[in-house]
Amino acid sequence: MVTHIHAVTPLSGHRLLMEFDNGSSITVDLSPKLNTIRFAELADETVFKNVRLHQETVVWGDGVLKIPLFELIDVAVGGVYLAD
């Protein structure tokens, strides 16, 4: 059975709660990435809270910043980290 992301919710501390259609969820802490060029704009709480889903990708604002689901899961489980 293939699991898909169902919802994404911004939390305090620059964390994201990702909920899946099978009922499981995972929290991803993006705060360590805020000092990088790629993710610097997420340091602004207003921008960070303006998160949405587009298929299996988490998108902020007008879509300039996008992170595929597999990259976020890697961050959450301590695997391969997002490129700076």
PDB file of N, CA and C in Angstrom:
ATOM      1  N   MET A   1       0.836  -1.188   0.000  1.00  0.00           N
ATOM      2  CA  MET A   1       0.000   0.000   0.000  1.00  0.00           C
ATOM      3  C   MET A   1       0.880   1.251   0.000  1.00  0.00           C
ATOM      4  N   VAL A   2       0.630   2.153  -0.896  1.00  0.00           N
ATOM      5  CA  VAL A   2       1.370   3.394  -1.003  1.00  0.00           C
ATOM      6  C   VAL A   2       0.733   4.428  -0.086  1.00  0.00           C
ATOM      7  N   THR A   3       1.557   5.110   0.701  1.00  0.00           N
ATOM      8  CA  THR A   3       1.080   6.149   1.603  1.00  0.00           C
ATOM      9  C   THR A   3       1.362   7.509   1.000  1.00  0.00           C
ATOM     10  N   HIS A   4       0.389   8.398   1.106  1.00  0.00           N
ATOM     11  CA  HIS A   4       0.532   9.760   0.587  1.00  0.00           C
ATOM     12  C   HIS A   4       0.356  10.755   1.710  1.00  0.00           C
ATOM     13  N   ILE A   5       0.986  11.896   1.563  1.00  0.00           N
ATOM     14  CA  ILE A   5       0.828  12.951   2.549  1.00  0.00           C
ATOM     15  C   ILE A   5      -0.585  13.525   2.431  1.00  0.00           C
ATOM     16  N   HIS A   6      -1.214  13.690   3.573  1.00  0.00           N
ATOM     17  CA  HIS A   6      -2.608  14.145   3.630  1.00  0.00           C
ATOM     18  C   HIS A   6      -2.698  15.613   4.043  1.00  0.00           C
ATOM     19  N   ALA A   7      -1.813  16.030   4.957  1.00  0.00           N
ATOM     20  CA  ALA A   7      -1.860  17.404   5.458  1.00  0.00           C
ATOM     21  C   ALA A   7      -0.494  17.802   5.995  1.00  0.00           C
ATOM     22  N   VAL A   8      -0.229  19.107   5.961  1.00  0.00           N
ATOM     23  CA  VAL A   8       0.981  19.661   6.560  1.00  0.00           C
ATOM     24  C   VAL A   8       0.561  20.869   7.390  1.00  0.00           C
ATOM     25  N   THR A   9       1.085  20.924   8.626  1.00  0.00           N
ATOM     26  CA  THR A   9       0.727  21.986   9.554  1.00  0.00           C
ATOM     27  C   THR A   9       2.002  22.603  10.119  1.00  0.00           C
ATOM     28  N   PRO A  10       2.136  23.937  10.035  1.00  0.00           N
ATOM     29  CA  PRO A  10       3.304  24.577  10.639  1.00  0.00           C
ATOM     30  C   PRO A  10       3.162  24.598  12.161  1.00  0.00           C
ATOM     31  N   LEU A  11       4.245  24.295  12.857  1.00  0.00           N
ATOM     32  CA  LEU A  11       4.275  24.308  14.317  1.00  0.00           C
ATOM     33  C   LEU A  11       5.307  25.336  14.780  1.00  0.00           C
ATOM     34  N   SER A  12       5.302  25.638  16.062  1.00  0.00           N
ATOM     35  CA  SER A  12       6.301  26.565  16.608  1.00  0.00           C
ATOM     36  C   SER A  12       7.696  25.969  16.449  1.00  0.00           C
ATOM     37  N   GLY A  13       8.692  26.832  16.496  1.00  0.00           N
ATOM     38  CA  GLY A  13      10.066  26.366  16.393  1.00  0.00           C
ATOM     39  C   GLY A  13      10.472  25.922  15.003  1.00  0.00           C
ATOM     40  N   HIS A  14       9.758  26.395  13.994  1.00  0.00           N
ATOM     41  CA  HIS A  14      10.033  26.046  12.592  1.00  0.00           C
ATOM     42  C   HIS A  14       9.990  24.540  12.345  1.00  0.00           C
ATOM     43  N   ARG A  15       8.952  23.938  12.904  1.00  0.00           N
ATOM     44  CA  ARG A  15       8.712  22.509  12.688  1.00  0.00           C
ATOM     45  C   ARG A  15       7.449  22.344  11.856  1.00  0.00           C
ATOM     46  N   LEU A  16       7.390  21.243  11.128  1.00  0.00           N
ATOM     47  CA  LEU A  16       6.210  20.900  10.329  1.00  0.00           C
ATOM     48  C   LEU A  16       5.655  19.567  10.818  1.00  0.00           C
ATOM     49  N   LEU A  17       4.357  19.516  10.985  1.00  0.00           N
ATOM     50  CA  LEU A  17       3.671  18.256  11.266  1.00  0.00           C
ATOM     51  C   LEU A  17       3.125  17.766   9.941  1.00  0.00           C
ATOM     52  N   MET A  18       3.583  16.589   9.513  1.00  0.00           N
ATOM     53  CA  MET A  18       3.088  16.005   8.272  1.00  0.00           C
ATOM     54  C   MET A  18       2.248  14.791   8.622  1.00  0.00           C
ATOM     55  N   GLU A  19       1.021  14.788   8.118  1.00  0.00           N
ATOM     56  CA  GLU A  19       0.099  13.687   8.377  1.00  0.00           C
ATOM     57  C   GLU A  19      -0.138  12.918   7.088  1.00  0.00           C
ATOM     58  N   PHE A  20      -0.186  11.595   7.217  1.00  0.00           N
ATOM     59  CA  PHE A  20      -0.324  10.735   6.055  1.00  0.00           C
ATOM     60  C   PHE A  20      -1.701  10.086   6.018  1.00  0.00           C
ATOM     61  N   ASP A  21      -2.089   9.621   4.834  1.00  0.00           N
ATOM     62  CA  ASP A  21      -3.426   9.055   4.667  1.00  0.00           C
ATOM     63  C   ASP A  21      -3.621   7.720   5.375  1.00  0.00           C
ATOM     64  N   ASN A  22      -2.549   7.128   5.894  1.00  0.00           N
ATOM     65  CA  ASN A  22      -2.690   5.875   6.645  1.00  0.00           C
ATOM     66  C   ASN A  22      -2.841   6.123   8.149  1.00  0.00           C
ATOM     67  N   GLY A  23      -2.915   7.412   8.543  1.00  0.00           N
ATOM     68  CA  GLY A  23      -3.099   7.762   9.943  1.00  0.00           C
ATOM     69  C   GLY A  23      -1.812   8.062  10.685  1.00  0.00           C
ATOM     70  N   SER A  24      -0.663   7.813  10.102  1.00  0.00           N
ATOM     71  CA  SER A  24       0.600   8.108  10.776  1.00  0.00           C
ATOM     72  C   SER A  24       0.978   9.572  10.545  1.00  0.00           C
ATOM     73  N   SER A  25       1.921  10.052  11.351  1.00  0.00           N
ATOM     74  CA  SER A  25       2.394  11.423  11.206  1.00  0.00           C
ATOM     75  C   SER A  25       3.866  11.494  11.595  1.00  0.00           C
ATOM     76  N   ILE A  26       4.505  12.577  11.199  1.00  0.00           N
ATOM     77  CA  ILE A  26       5.910  12.794  11.504  1.00  0.00           C
ATOM     78  C   ILE A  26       6.127  14.296  11.655  1.00  0.00           C
ATOM     79  N   THR A  27       7.012  14.677  12.559  1.00  0.00           N
ATOM     80  CA  THR A  27       7.362  16.086  12.747  1.00  0.00           C
ATOM     81  C   THR A  27       8.767  16.314  12.217  1.00  0.00           C
ATOM     82  N   VAL A  28       8.906  17.359  11.415  1.00  0.00           N
ATOM     83  CA  VAL A  28      10.187  17.691  10.802  1.00  0.00           C
ATOM     84  C   VAL A  28      10.646  19.049  11.344  1.00  0.00           C
ATOM     85  N   ASP A  29      11.842  19.085  11.903  1.00  0.00           N
ATOM     86  CA  ASP A  29      12.416  20.320  12.434  1.00  0.00           C
ATOM     87  C   ASP A  29      13.311  20.943  11.369  1.00  0.00           C
ATOM     88  N   LEU A  30      12.882  22.072  10.837  1.00  0.00           N
ATOM     89  CA  LEU A  30      13.657  22.759   9.800  1.00  0.00           C
ATOM     90  C   LEU A  30      14.538  23.864  10.368  1.00  0.00           C
ATOM     91  N   SER A  31      14.513  24.086  11.674  1.00  0.00           N
ATOM     92  CA  SER A  31      15.283  25.189  12.257  1.00  0.00           C
ATOM     93  C   SER A  31      16.784  25.117  11.958  1.00  0.00           C
ATOM     94  N   PRO A  32      17.403  23.937  11.895  1.00  0.00           N
ATOM     95  CA  PRO A  32      18.839  23.912  11.569  1.00  0.00           C
ATOM     96  C   PRO A  32      19.153  24.403  10.153  1.00  0.00           C
ATOM     97  N   LYS A  33      18.168  24.456   9.294  1.00  0.00           N
ATOM     98  CA  LYS A  33      18.387  24.853   7.898  1.00  0.00           C
ATOM     99  C   LYS A  33      18.181  26.346   7.650  1.00  0.00           C
ATOM    100  N   LEU A  34      17.715  27.093   8.649  1.00  0.00           N
ATOM    101  CA  LEU A  34      17.351  28.493   8.440  1.00  0.00           C
ATOM    102  C   LEU A  34      18.536  29.406   8.165  1.00  0.00           C
ATOM    103  N   ASN A  35      19.738  28.975   8.456  1.00  0.00           N
ATOM    104  CA  ASN A  35      20.930  29.788   8.208  1.00  0.00           C
ATOM    105  C   ASN A  35      21.557  29.492   6.851  1.00  0.00           C
ATOM    106  N   THR A  36      20.833  28.782   5.999  1.00  0.00           N
ATOM    107  CA  THR A  36      21.351  28.467   4.666  1.00  0.00           C
ATOM    108  C   THR A  36      20.656  29.346   3.631  1.00  0.00           C
ATOM    109  N   ILE A  37      21.297  29.516   2.505  1.00  0.00           N
ATOM    110  CA  ILE A  37      20.721  30.346   1.441  1.00  0.00           C
ATOM    111  C   ILE A  37      19.372  29.796   0.993  1.00  0.00           C
ATOM    112  N   ARG A  38      19.290  28.497   0.803  1.00  0.00           N
ATOM    113  CA  ARG A  38      18.068  27.888   0.282  1.00  0.00           C
ATOM    114  C   ARG A  38      16.870  28.107   1.199  1.00  0.00           C
ATOM    115  N   PHE A  39      17.082  28.081   2.510  1.00  0.00           N
ATOM    116  CA  PHE A  39      15.962  28.115   3.447  1.00  0.00           C
ATOM    117  C   PHE A  39      15.870  29.373   4.297  1.00  0.00           C
ATOM    118  N   ALA A  40      16.707  30.359   4.042  1.00  0.00           N
ATOM    119  CA  ALA A  40      16.753  31.577   4.863  1.00  0.00           C
ATOM    120  C   ALA A  40      15.398  32.276   4.959  1.00  0.00           C
ATOM    121  N   GLU A  41      14.631  32.301   3.881  1.00  0.00           N
ATOM    122  CA  GLU A  41      13.354  33.010   3.919  1.00  0.00           C
ATOM    123  C   GLU A  41      12.349  32.360   4.868  1.00  0.00           C
ATOM    124  N   LEU A  42      12.557  31.097   5.240  1.00  0.00           N
ATOM    125  CA  LEU A  42      11.658  30.438   6.186  1.00  0.00           C
ATOM    126  C   LEU A  42      11.859  30.910   7.617  1.00  0.00           C
ATOM    127  N   ALA A  43      12.926  31.660   7.883  1.00  0.00           N
ATOM    128  CA  ALA A  43      13.148  32.227   9.216  1.00  0.00           C
ATOM    129  C   ALA A  43      12.039  33.216   9.566  1.00  0.00           C
ATOM    130  N   ASP A  44      11.429  33.813   8.556  1.00  0.00           N
ATOM    131  CA  ASP A  44      10.284  34.707   8.754  1.00  0.00           C
ATOM    132  C   ASP A  44       9.061  33.850   9.067  1.00  0.00           C
ATOM    133  N   GLU A  45       8.527  33.999  10.278  1.00  0.00           N
ATOM    134  CA  GLU A  45       7.388  33.180  10.721  1.00  0.00           C
ATOM    135  C   GLU A  45       6.189  33.289   9.767  1.00  0.00           C
ATOM    136  N   THR A  46       5.958  34.470   9.222  1.00  0.00           N
ATOM    137  CA  THR A  46       4.828  34.653   8.304  1.00  0.00           C
ATOM    138  C   THR A  46       4.990  33.790   7.062  1.00  0.00           C
ATOM    139  N   VAL A  47       6.192  33.769   6.530  1.00  0.00           N
ATOM    140  CA  VAL A  47       6.479  32.933   5.359  1.00  0.00           C
ATOM    141  C   VAL A  47       6.352  31.466   5.745  1.00  0.00           C
ATOM    142  N   PHE A  48       6.956  31.080   6.874  1.00  0.00           N
ATOM    143  CA  PHE A  48       6.932  29.678   7.291  1.00  0.00           C
ATOM    144  C   PHE A  48       5.506  29.160   7.459  1.00  0.00           C
ATOM    145  N   LYS A  49       4.644  29.971   8.020  1.00  0.00           N
ATOM    146  CA  LYS A  49       3.262  29.547   8.267  1.00  0.00           C
ATOM    147  C   LYS A  49       2.430  29.477   6.987  1.00  0.00           C
ATOM    148  N   ASN A  50       2.920  30.062   5.909  1.00  0.00           N
ATOM    149  CA  ASN A  50       2.213  30.054   4.626  1.00  0.00           C
ATOM    150  C   ASN A  50       2.607  28.815   3.824  1.00  0.00           C
ATOM    151  N   VAL A  51       2.403  27.643   4.427  1.00  0.00           N
ATOM    152  CA  VAL A  51       2.805  26.374   3.828  1.00  0.00           C
ATOM    153  C   VAL A  51       1.573  25.647   3.287  1.00  0.00           C
ATOM    154  N   ARG A  52       1.787  24.893   2.224  1.00  0.00           N
ATOM    155  CA  ARG A  52       0.685  24.111   1.639  1.00  0.00           C
ATOM    156  C   ARG A  52       1.270  22.900   0.926  1.00  0.00           C
ATOM    157  N   LEU A  53       0.394  22.036   0.527  1.00  0.00           N
ATOM    158  CA  LEU A  53       0.788  20.844  -0.233  1.00  0.00           C
ATOM    159  C   LEU A  53       0.468  21.021  -1.702  1.00  0.00           C
ATOM    160  N   HIS A  54       1.324  20.493  -2.529  1.00  0.00           N
ATOM    161  CA  HIS A  54       1.048  20.348  -3.957  1.00  0.00           C
ATOM    162  C   HIS A  54       1.523  18.950  -4.315  1.00  0.00           C
ATOM    163  N   GLN A  55       0.587  18.048  -4.409  1.00  0.00           N
ATOM    164  CA  GLN A  55       0.876  16.636  -4.623  1.00  0.00           C
ATOM    165  C   GLN A  55       1.770  16.127  -3.501  1.00  0.00           C
ATOM    166  N   GLU A  56       2.945  15.624  -3.781  1.00  0.00           N
ATOM    167  CA  GLU A  56       3.842  15.099  -2.747  1.00  0.00           C
ATOM    168  C   GLU A  56       4.977  16.080  -2.437  1.00  0.00           C
ATOM    169  N   THR A  57       4.676  17.368  -2.573  1.00  0.00           N
ATOM    170  CA  THR A  57       5.655  18.419  -2.334  1.00  0.00           C
ATOM    171  C   THR A  57       5.084  19.445  -1.371  1.00  0.00           C
ATOM    172  N   VAL A  58       5.921  19.889  -0.418  1.00  0.00           N
ATOM    173  CA  VAL A  58       5.541  20.955   0.506  1.00  0.00           C
ATOM    174  C   VAL A  58       6.027  22.256  -0.121  1.00  0.00           C
ATOM    175  N   VAL A  59       5.117  23.249  -0.180  1.00  0.00           N
ATOM    176  CA  VAL A  59       5.377  24.492  -0.893  1.00  0.00           C
ATOM    177  C   VAL A  59       5.096  25.675   0.032  1.00  0.00           C
ATOM    178  N   TRP A  60       5.948  26.695  -0.061  1.00  0.00           N
ATOM    179  CA  TRP A  60       5.718  27.926   0.687  1.00  0.00           C
ATOM    180  C   TRP A  60       5.453  29.070  -0.275  1.00  0.00           C
ATOM    181  N   GLY A  61       4.588  29.991   0.173  1.00  0.00           N
ATOM    182  CA  GLY A  61       4.316  31.210  -0.579  1.00  0.00           C
ATOM    183  C   GLY A  61       3.863  30.945  -1.993  1.00  0.00           C
ATOM    184  N   ASP A  62       4.487  31.626  -2.920  1.00  0.00           N
ATOM    185  CA  ASP A  62       4.087  31.535  -4.324  1.00  0.00           C
ATOM    186  C   ASP A  62       4.698  30.340  -5.037  1.00  0.00           C
ATOM    187  N   GLY A  63       5.325  29.449  -4.283  1.00  0.00           N
ATOM    188  CA  GLY A  63       5.876  28.234  -4.879  1.00  0.00           C
ATOM    189  C   GLY A  63       7.344  28.310  -5.224  1.00  0.00           C
ATOM    190  N   VAL A  64       8.001  29.413  -4.863  1.00  0.00           N
ATOM    191  CA  VAL A  64       9.427  29.526  -5.150  1.00  0.00           C
ATOM    192  C   VAL A  64      10.219  28.515  -4.323  1.00  0.00           C
ATOM    193  N   LEU A  65       9.813  28.295  -3.079  1.00  0.00           N
ATOM    194  CA  LEU A  65      10.481  27.327  -2.221  1.00  0.00           C
ATOM    195  C   LEU A  65       9.627  26.070  -2.124  1.00  0.00           C
ATOM    196  N   LYS A  66      10.195  24.961  -2.583  1.00  0.00           N
ATOM    197  CA  LYS A  66       9.496  23.677  -2.593  1.00  0.00           C
ATOM    198  C   LYS A  66      10.432  22.609  -2.053  1.00  0.00           C
ATOM    199  N   ILE A  67       9.878  21.699  -1.264  1.00  0.00           N
ATOM    200  CA  ILE A  67      10.662  20.575  -0.771  1.00  0.00           C
ATOM    201  C   ILE A  67       9.851  19.307  -0.989  1.00  0.00           C
ATOM    202  N   PRO A  68      10.372  18.368  -1.743  1.00  0.00           N
ATOM    203  CA  PRO A  68       9.669  17.100  -1.950  1.00  0.00           C
ATOM    204  C   PRO A  68       9.550  16.325  -0.638  1.00  0.00           C
ATOM    205  N   LEU A  69       8.502  15.569  -0.524  1.00  0.00           N
ATOM    206  CA  LEU A  69       8.223  14.791   0.673  1.00  0.00           C
ATOM    207  C   LEU A  69       9.404  13.909   1.075  1.00  0.00           C
ATOM    208  N   PHE A  70      10.028  13.236   0.131  1.00  0.00           N
ATOM    209  CA  PHE A  70      11.117  12.316   0.481  1.00  0.00           C
ATOM    210  C   PHE A  70      12.274  13.045   1.160  1.00  0.00           C
ATOM    211  N   GLU A  71      12.549  14.312   0.799  1.00  0.00           N
ATOM    212  CA  GLU A  71      13.615  15.068   1.453  1.00  0.00           C
ATOM    213  C   GLU A  71      13.244  15.404   2.887  1.00  0.00           C
ATOM    214  N   LEU A  72      11.990  15.762   3.123  1.00  0.00           N
ATOM    215  CA  LEU A  72      11.541  16.082   4.481  1.00  0.00           C
ATOM    216  C   LEU A  72      11.582  14.862   5.384  1.00  0.00           C
ATOM    217  N   ILE A  73      11.226  13.723   4.858  1.00  0.00           N
ATOM    218  CA  ILE A  73      11.288  12.492   5.655  1.00  0.00           C
ATOM    219  C   ILE A  73      12.736  12.166   6.003  1.00  0.00           C
ATOM    220  N   ASP A  74      13.652  12.365   5.069  1.00  0.00           N
ATOM    221  CA  ASP A  74      15.069  12.134   5.349  1.00  0.00           C
ATOM    222  C   ASP A  74      15.546  13.021   6.498  1.00  0.00           C
ATOM    223  N   VAL A  75      15.112  14.280   6.520  1.00  0.00           N
ATOM    224  CA  VAL A  75      15.489  15.179   7.609  1.00  0.00           C
ATOM    225  C   VAL A  75      14.917  14.684   8.920  1.00  0.00           C
ATOM    226  N   ALA A  76      13.666  14.277   8.915  1.00  0.00           N
ATOM    227  CA  ALA A  76      12.994  13.843  10.143  1.00  0.00           C
ATOM    228  C   ALA A  76      13.625  12.597  10.750  1.00  0.00           C
ATOM    229  N   VAL A  77      14.067  11.684   9.926  1.00  0.00           N
ATOM    230  CA  VAL A  77      14.625  10.437  10.443  1.00  0.00           C
ATOM    231  C   VAL A  77      16.151  10.472  10.557  1.00  0.00           C
ATOM    232  N   GLY A  78      16.738  11.625  10.237  1.00  0.00           N
ATOM    233  CA  GLY A  78      18.182  11.763  10.385  1.00  0.00           C
ATOM    234  C   GLY A  78      18.982  11.127   9.285  1.00  0.00           C
ATOM    235  N   GLY A  79      18.371  10.954   8.130  1.00  0.00           N
ATOM    236  CA  GLY A  79      19.078  10.365   7.000  1.00  0.00           C
ATOM    237  C   GLY A  79      19.804  11.411   6.208  1.00  0.00           C
ATOM    238  N   VAL A  80      19.656  11.380   4.923  1.00  0.00           N
ATOM    239  CA  VAL A  80      20.291  12.347   4.039  1.00  0.00           C
ATOM    240  C   VAL A  80      19.660  13.704   4.302  1.00  0.00           C
ATOM    241  N   TYR A  81      20.481  14.718   4.471  1.00  0.00           N
ATOM    242  CA  TYR A  81      19.968  16.037   4.795  1.00  0.00           C
ATOM    243  C   TYR A  81      19.739  16.862   3.546  1.00  0.00           C
ATOM    244  N   LEU A  82      18.822  17.810   3.659  1.00  0.00           N
ATOM    245  CA  LEU A  82      18.519  18.707   2.550  1.00  0.00           C
ATOM    246  C   LEU A  82      19.773  19.476   2.144  1.00  0.00           C
ATOM    247  N   ALA A  83      19.932  19.625   0.856  1.00  0.00           N
ATOM    248  CA  ALA A  83      21.070  20.408   0.356  1.00  0.00           C
ATOM    249  C   ALA A  83      20.903  21.865   0.751  1.00  0.00           C
ATOM    250  N   ASP A  84      21.979  22.478   1.162  1.00  0.00           N
ATOM    251  CA  ASP A  84      21.921  23.883   1.557  1.00  0.00           C
ATOM    252  C   ASP A  84      21.845  24.719   0.360  1.00  0.00           C
TER     253      ASP A  84
END
